[in-house]
Amino acid sequence: MSLHGESEVLLTPAEVASLFRVDPKTVTRWAKAGKLSSIRTLGGHRRYKESEVKALLGAASEEIRRPEE
């Protein structure tokens, strides 16, 4: 939560996985590889910023649309 009262929407690994149509363990591997940053809850669970996930999803969509040279 920011100081201005605005909170960032956080997604679970399962929610991120469903957006990319991959297994939740793949999302965890992406976080460990540095492709996606994660936040840990007090219980140790990973959460991902929705804005960052959408940016990565947009980048992935661009790669798919771009023809190979």
PDB file of N, CA and C in Angstrom:
ATOM      1  N   MET A   1       0.845  -1.185   0.000  1.00  0.00           N
ATOM      2  CA  MET A   1       0.000   0.000   0.000  1.00  0.00           C
ATOM      3  C   MET A   1       0.884   1.239   0.000  1.00  0.00           C
ATOM      4  N   SER A   2       0.543   2.202  -0.804  1.00  0.00           N
ATOM      5  CA  SER A   2       1.352   3.408  -0.886  1.00  0.00           C
ATOM      6  C   SER A   2       0.943   4.398   0.195  1.00  0.00           C
ATOM      7  N   LEU A   3       1.731   5.425   0.359  1.00  0.00           N
ATOM      8  CA  LEU A   3       1.450   6.443   1.359  1.00  0.00           C
ATOM      9  C   LEU A   3       0.230   7.278   1.013  1.00  0.00           C
ATOM     10  N   HIS A   4      -0.164   7.288  -0.225  1.00  0.00           N
ATOM     11  CA  HIS A   4      -1.280   8.108  -0.673  1.00  0.00           C
ATOM     12  C   HIS A   4      -2.610   7.378  -0.605  1.00  0.00           C
ATOM     13  N   GLY A   5      -2.647   6.203  -0.034  1.00  0.00           N
ATOM     14  CA  GLY A   5      -3.887   5.459   0.112  1.00  0.00           C
ATOM     15  C   GLY A   5      -4.254   4.612  -1.092  1.00  0.00           C
ATOM     16  N   GLU A   6      -3.439   4.655  -2.131  1.00  0.00           N
ATOM     17  CA  GLU A   6      -3.699   3.829  -3.306  1.00  0.00           C
ATOM     18  C   GLU A   6      -2.992   2.495  -3.114  1.00  0.00           C
ATOM     19  N   SER A   7      -3.705   1.411  -3.401  1.00  0.00           N
ATOM     20  CA  SER A   7      -3.062   0.109  -3.241  1.00  0.00           C
ATOM     21  C   SER A   7      -2.914  -0.560  -4.600  1.00  0.00           C
ATOM     22  N   GLU A   8      -1.833  -1.255  -4.745  1.00  0.00           N
ATOM     23  CA  GLU A   8      -1.553  -2.007  -5.967  1.00  0.00           C
ATOM     24  C   GLU A   8      -2.305  -3.324  -5.888  1.00  0.00           C
ATOM     25  N   VAL A   9      -2.932  -3.712  -6.979  1.00  0.00           N
ATOM     26  CA  VAL A   9      -3.620  -4.997  -7.031  1.00  0.00           C
ATOM     27  C   VAL A   9      -2.568  -6.087  -7.132  1.00  0.00           C
ATOM     28  N   LEU A  10      -2.665  -7.077  -6.254  1.00  0.00           N
ATOM     29  CA  LEU A  10      -1.720  -8.188  -6.241  1.00  0.00           C
ATOM     30  C   LEU A  10      -2.411  -9.454  -6.708  1.00  0.00           C
ATOM     31  N   LEU A  11      -1.694 -10.240  -7.491  1.00  0.00           N
ATOM     32  CA  LEU A  11      -2.231 -11.482  -8.042  1.00  0.00           C
ATOM     33  C   LEU A  11      -1.502 -12.683  -7.461  1.00  0.00           C
ATOM     34  N   THR A  12      -2.216 -13.776  -7.328  1.00  0.00           N
ATOM     35  CA  THR A  12      -1.612 -15.027  -6.871  1.00  0.00           C
ATOM     36  C   THR A  12      -0.904 -15.695  -8.047  1.00  0.00           C
ATOM     37  N   PRO A  13      -0.025 -16.650  -7.768  1.00  0.00           N
ATOM     38  CA  PRO A  13       0.605 -17.387  -8.865  1.00  0.00           C
ATOM     39  C   PRO A  13      -0.420 -18.061  -9.782  1.00  0.00           C
ATOM     40  N   ALA A  14      -1.495 -18.571  -9.219  1.00  0.00           N
ATOM     41  CA  ALA A  14      -2.524 -19.226 -10.033  1.00  0.00           C
ATOM     42  C   ALA A  14      -3.215 -18.232 -10.962  1.00  0.00           C
ATOM     43  N   GLU A  15      -3.453 -17.016 -10.484  1.00  0.00           N
ATOM     44  CA  GLU A  15      -4.087 -15.996 -11.324  1.00  0.00           C
ATOM     45  C   GLU A  15      -3.168 -15.586 -12.470  1.00  0.00           C
ATOM     46  N   VAL A  16      -1.892 -15.408 -12.171  1.00  0.00           N
ATOM     47  CA  VAL A  16      -0.920 -15.059 -13.214  1.00  0.00           C
ATOM     48  C   VAL A  16      -0.813 -16.200 -14.219  1.00  0.00           C
ATOM     49  N   ALA A  17      -0.758 -17.418 -13.711  1.00  0.00           N
ATOM     50  CA  ALA A  17      -0.647 -18.593 -14.580  1.00  0.00           C
ATOM     51  C   ALA A  17      -1.828 -18.692 -15.533  1.00  0.00           C
ATOM     52  N   SER A  18      -3.026 -18.385 -15.056  1.00  0.00           N
ATOM     53  CA  SER A  18      -4.195 -18.474 -15.933  1.00  0.00           C
ATOM     54  C   SER A  18      -4.151 -17.418 -17.031  1.00  0.00           C
ATOM     55  N   LEU A  19      -3.579 -16.251 -16.743  1.00  0.00           N
ATOM     56  CA  LEU A  19      -3.454 -15.207 -17.768  1.00  0.00           C
ATOM     57  C   LEU A  19      -2.499 -15.625 -18.884  1.00  0.00           C
ATOM     58  N   PHE A  20      -1.419 -16.312 -18.509  1.00  0.00           N
ATOM     59  CA  PHE A  20      -0.417 -16.742 -19.482  1.00  0.00           C
ATOM     60  C   PHE A  20      -0.658 -18.157 -19.996  1.00  0.00           C
ATOM     61  N   ARG A  21      -1.631 -18.833 -19.401  1.00  0.00           N
ATOM     62  CA  ARG A  21      -1.944 -20.225 -19.745  1.00  0.00           C
ATOM     63  C   ARG A  21      -0.737 -21.136 -19.544  1.00  0.00           C
ATOM     64  N   VAL A  22      -0.147 -21.001 -18.351  1.00  0.00           N
ATOM     65  CA  VAL A  22       0.973 -21.849 -17.949  1.00  0.00           C
ATOM     66  C   VAL A  22       0.681 -22.402 -16.555  1.00  0.00           C
ATOM     67  N   ASP A  23       1.521 -23.299 -16.090  1.00  0.00           N
ATOM     68  CA  ASP A  23       1.392 -23.852 -14.748  1.00  0.00           C
ATOM     69  C   ASP A  23       1.874 -22.823 -13.717  1.00  0.00           C
ATOM     70  N   PRO A  24       1.264 -22.770 -12.535  1.00  0.00           N
ATOM     71  CA  PRO A  24       1.727 -21.836 -11.497  1.00  0.00           C
ATOM     72  C   PRO A  24       3.208 -21.991 -11.145  1.00  0.00           C
ATOM     73  N   LYS A  25       3.749 -23.190 -11.252  1.00  0.00           N
ATOM     74  CA  LYS A  25       5.177 -23.396 -10.983  1.00  0.00           C
ATOM     75  C   LYS A  25       6.042 -22.653 -12.005  1.00  0.00           C
ATOM     76  N   THR A  26       5.538 -22.500 -13.222  1.00  0.00           N
ATOM     77  CA  THR A  26       6.260 -21.738 -14.245  1.00  0.00           C
ATOM     78  C   THR A  26       6.363 -20.280 -13.822  1.00  0.00           C
ATOM     79  N   VAL A  27       5.295 -19.742 -13.262  1.00  0.00           N
ATOM     80  CA  VAL A  27       5.296 -18.356 -12.779  1.00  0.00           C
ATOM     81  C   VAL A  27       6.336 -18.197 -11.671  1.00  0.00           C
ATOM     82  N   THR A  28       6.409 -19.162 -10.784  1.00  0.00           N
ATOM     83  CA  THR A  28       7.406 -19.130  -9.710  1.00  0.00           C
ATOM     84  C   THR A  28       8.818 -19.171 -10.288  1.00  0.00           C
ATOM     85  N   ARG A  29       9.030 -19.981 -11.316  1.00  0.00           N
ATOM     86  CA  ARG A  29      10.349 -20.039 -11.968  1.00  0.00           C
ATOM     87  C   ARG A  29      10.689 -18.700 -12.617  1.00  0.00           C
ATOM     88  N   TRP A  30       9.694 -18.053 -13.228  1.00  0.00           N
ATOM     89  CA  TRP A  30       9.928 -16.734 -13.819  1.00  0.00           C
ATOM     90  C   TRP A  30      10.384 -15.746 -12.753  1.00  0.00           C
ATOM     91  N   ALA A  31       9.762 -15.806 -11.584  1.00  0.00           N
ATOM     92  CA  ALA A  31      10.142 -14.903 -10.494  1.00  0.00           C
ATOM     93  C   ALA A  31      11.571 -15.186 -10.037  1.00  0.00           C
ATOM     94  N   LYS A  32      11.914 -16.452  -9.912  1.00  0.00           N
ATOM     95  CA  LYS A  32      13.274 -16.819  -9.496  1.00  0.00           C
ATOM     96  C   LYS A  32      14.304 -16.413 -10.540  1.00  0.00           C
ATOM     97  N   ALA A  33      13.908 -16.418 -11.827  1.00  0.00           N
ATOM     98  CA  ALA A  33      14.811 -16.046 -12.919  1.00  0.00           C
ATOM     99  C   ALA A  33      14.888 -14.533 -13.122  1.00  0.00           C
ATOM    100  N   GLY A  34      14.030 -13.782 -12.432  1.00  0.00           N
ATOM    101  CA  GLY A  34      14.062 -12.328 -12.545  1.00  0.00           C
ATOM    102  C   GLY A  34      13.179 -11.752 -13.633  1.00  0.00           C
ATOM    103  N   LYS A  35      12.377 -12.583 -14.298  1.00  0.00           N
ATOM    104  CA  LYS A  35      11.475 -12.079 -15.338  1.00  0.00           C
ATOM    105  C   LYS A  35      10.312 -11.305 -14.737  1.00  0.00           C
ATOM    106  N   LEU A  36       9.978 -11.629 -13.499  1.00  0.00           N
ATOM    107  CA  LEU A  36       8.818 -11.056 -12.827  1.00  0.00           C
ATOM    108  C   LEU A  36       9.172 -10.925 -11.353  1.00  0.00           C
ATOM    109  N   SER A  37       8.967  -9.742 -10.784  1.00  0.00           N
ATOM    110  CA  SER A  37       9.280  -9.598  -9.362  1.00  0.00           C
ATOM    111  C   SER A  37       8.081 -10.022  -8.526  1.00  0.00           C
ATOM    112  N   SER A  38       8.373 -10.548  -7.358  1.00  0.00           N
ATOM    113  CA  SER A  38       7.298 -11.002  -6.485  1.00  0.00           C
ATOM    114  C   SER A  38       7.417 -10.350  -5.120  1.00  0.00           C
ATOM    115  N   ILE A  39       6.294 -10.322  -4.447  1.00  0.00           N
ATOM    116  CA  ILE A  39       6.210  -9.827  -3.082  1.00  0.00           C
ATOM    117  C   ILE A  39       5.831 -11.026  -2.235  1.00  0.00           C
ATOM    118  N   ARG A  40       6.424 -11.148  -1.070  1.00  0.00           N
ATOM    119  CA  ARG A  40       6.088 -12.258  -0.179  1.00  0.00           C
ATOM    120  C   ARG A  40       5.100 -11.770   0.881  1.00  0.00           C
ATOM    121  N   THR A  41       4.063 -12.562   1.113  1.00  0.00           N
ATOM    122  CA  THR A  41       3.118 -12.261   2.186  1.00  0.00           C
ATOM    123  C   THR A  41       3.759 -12.664   3.512  1.00  0.00           C
ATOM    124  N   LEU A  42       3.109 -12.325   4.604  1.00  0.00           N
ATOM    125  CA  LEU A  42       3.628 -12.719   5.913  1.00  0.00           C
ATOM    126  C   LEU A  42       3.699 -14.235   6.046  1.00  0.00           C
ATOM    127  N   GLY A  43       2.828 -14.933   5.337  1.00  0.00           N
ATOM    128  CA  GLY A  43       2.835 -16.391   5.357  1.00  0.00           C
ATOM    129  C   GLY A  43       3.844 -17.010   4.404  1.00  0.00           C
ATOM    130  N   GLY A  44       4.561 -16.173   3.641  1.00  0.00           N
ATOM    131  CA  GLY A  44       5.583 -16.669   2.727  1.00  0.00           C
ATOM    132  C   GLY A  44       5.103 -16.944   1.315  1.00  0.00           C
ATOM    133  N   HIS A  45       3.853 -16.612   1.027  1.00  0.00           N
ATOM    134  CA  HIS A  45       3.310 -16.845  -0.308  1.00  0.00           C
ATOM    135  C   HIS A  45       3.700 -15.703  -1.243  1.00  0.00           C
ATOM    136  N   ARG A  46       3.878 -16.028  -2.505  1.00  0.00           N
ATOM    137  CA  ARG A  46       4.246 -15.016  -3.501  1.00  0.00           C
ATOM    138  C   ARG A  46       3.002 -14.311  -4.035  1.00  0.00           C
ATOM    139  N   ARG A  47       3.161 -13.021  -4.284  1.00  0.00           N
ATOM    140  CA  ARG A  47       2.128 -12.230  -4.947  1.00  0.00           C
ATOM    141  C   ARG A  47       2.833 -11.374  -5.991  1.00  0.00           C
ATOM    142  N   TYR A  48       2.110 -11.061  -7.056  1.00  0.00           N
ATOM    143  CA  TYR A  48       2.680 -10.328  -8.184  1.00  0.00           C
ATOM    144  C   TYR A  48       1.848  -9.085  -8.460  1.00  0.00           C
ATOM    145  N   LYS A  49       2.523  -7.977  -8.762  1.00  0.00           N
ATOM    146  CA  LYS A  49       1.819  -6.730  -9.067  1.00  0.00           C
ATOM    147  C   LYS A  49       1.101  -6.867 -10.401  1.00  0.00           C
ATOM    148  N   GLU A  50      -0.177  -6.515 -10.397  1.00  0.00           N
ATOM    149  CA  GLU A  50      -0.982  -6.630 -11.609  1.00  0.00           C
ATOM    150  C   GLU A  50      -0.402  -5.788 -12.740  1.00  0.00           C
ATOM    151  N   SER A  51       0.079  -4.592 -12.428  1.00  0.00           N
ATOM    152  CA  SER A  51       0.632  -3.713 -13.463  1.00  0.00           C
ATOM    153  C   SER A  51       1.853  -4.344 -14.133  1.00  0.00           C
ATOM    154  N   GLU A  52       2.695  -4.997 -13.352  1.00  0.00           N
ATOM    155  CA  GLU A  52       3.888  -5.641 -13.909  1.00  0.00           C
ATOM    156  C   GLU A  52       3.512  -6.865 -14.747  1.00  0.00           C
ATOM    157  N   VAL A  53       2.517  -7.605 -14.273  1.00  0.00           N
ATOM    158  CA  VAL A  53       2.052  -8.783 -15.011  1.00  0.00           C
ATOM    159  C   VAL A  53       1.466  -8.356 -16.352  1.00  0.00           C
ATOM    160  N   LYS A  54       0.662  -7.287 -16.342  1.00  0.00           N
ATOM    161  CA  LYS A  54       0.063  -6.808 -17.592  1.00  0.00           C
ATOM    162  C   LYS A  54       1.130  -6.309 -18.559  1.00  0.00           C
ATOM    163  N   ALA A  55       2.175  -5.673 -18.039  1.00  0.00           N
ATOM    164  CA  ALA A  55       3.272  -5.213 -18.898  1.00  0.00           C
ATOM    165  C   ALA A  55       3.982  -6.401 -19.538  1.00  0.00           C
ATOM    166  N   LEU A  56       4.223  -7.446 -18.748  1.00  0.00           N
ATOM    167  CA  LEU A  56       4.873  -8.646 -19.281  1.00  0.00           C
ATOM    168  C   LEU A  56       3.967  -9.346 -20.281  1.00  0.00           C
ATOM    169  N   LEU A  57       2.688  -9.359 -19.996  1.00  0.00           N
ATOM    170  CA  LEU A  57       1.722  -9.971 -20.905  1.00  0.00           C
ATOM    171  C   LEU A  57       1.683  -9.209 -22.230  1.00  0.00           C
ATOM    172  N   GLY A  58       1.742  -7.885 -22.167  1.00  0.00           N
ATOM    173  CA  GLY A  58       1.780  -7.071 -23.378  1.00  0.00           C
ATOM    174  C   GLY A  58       3.040  -7.320 -24.182  1.00  0.00           C
ATOM    175  N   ALA A  59       4.172  -7.458 -23.494  1.00  0.00           N
ATOM    176  CA  ALA A  59       5.437  -7.739 -24.177  1.00  0.00           C
ATOM    177  C   ALA A  59       5.393  -9.110 -24.834  1.00  0.00           C
ATOM    178  N   ALA A  60       4.792 -10.074 -24.155  1.00  0.00           N
ATOM    179  CA  ALA A  60       4.677 -11.424 -24.716  1.00  0.00           C
ATOM    180  C   ALA A  60       3.775 -11.409 -25.946  1.00  0.00           C
ATOM    181  N   SER A  61       2.716 -10.613 -25.900  1.00  0.00           N
ATOM    182  CA  SER A  61       1.809 -10.508 -27.046  1.00  0.00           C
ATOM    183  C   SER A  61       2.514  -9.893 -28.243  1.00  0.00           C
ATOM    184  N   GLU A  62       3.361  -8.897 -27.995  1.00  0.00           N
ATOM    185  CA  GLU A  62       4.115  -8.259 -29.076  1.00  0.00           C
ATOM    186  C   GLU A  62       5.067  -9.254 -29.731  1.00  0.00           C
ATOM    187  N   GLU A  63       5.703 -10.105 -28.929  1.00  0.00           N
ATOM    188  CA  GLU A  63       6.624 -11.104 -29.479  1.00  0.00           C
ATOM    189  C   GLU A  63       5.892 -12.089 -30.372  1.00  0.00           C
ATOM    190  N   ILE A  64       4.679 -12.434 -29.987  1.00  0.00           N
ATOM    191  CA  ILE A  64       3.890 -13.385 -30.774  1.00  0.00           C
ATOM    192  C   ILE A  64       3.475 -12.755 -32.099  1.00  0.00           C
ATOM    193  N   ARG A  65       3.099 -11.480 -32.066  1.00  0.00           N
ATOM    194  CA  ARG A  65       2.624 -10.798 -33.275  1.00  0.00           C
ATOM    195  C   ARG A  65       3.745 -10.468 -34.247  1.00  0.00           C
ATOM    196  N   ARG A  66       4.957 -10.269 -33.738  1.00  0.00           N
ATOM    197  CA  ARG A  66       6.082  -9.854 -34.569  1.00  0.00           C
ATOM    198  C   ARG A  66       6.558 -11.028 -35.422  1.00  0.00           C
ATOM    199  N   PRO A  67       6.553 -10.877 -36.738  1.00  0.00           N
ATOM    200  CA  PRO A  67       7.031 -11.979 -37.595  1.00  0.00           C
ATOM    201  C   PRO A  67       8.540 -12.149 -37.458  1.00  0.00           C
ATOM    202  N   GLU A  68       8.985 -13.376 -37.604  1.00  0.00           N
ATOM    203  CA  GLU A  68      10.420 -13.651 -37.520  1.00  0.00           C
ATOM    204  C   GLU A  68      11.108 -13.171 -38.785  1.00  0.00           C
ATOM    205  N   GLU A  69      12.311 -12.678 -38.612  1.00  0.00           N
ATOM    206  CA  GLU A  69      13.062 -12.150 -39.758  1.00  0.00           C
ATOM    207  C   GLU A  69      14.024 -13.171 -40.274  1.00  0.00           C
TER     208      GLU A  69
END
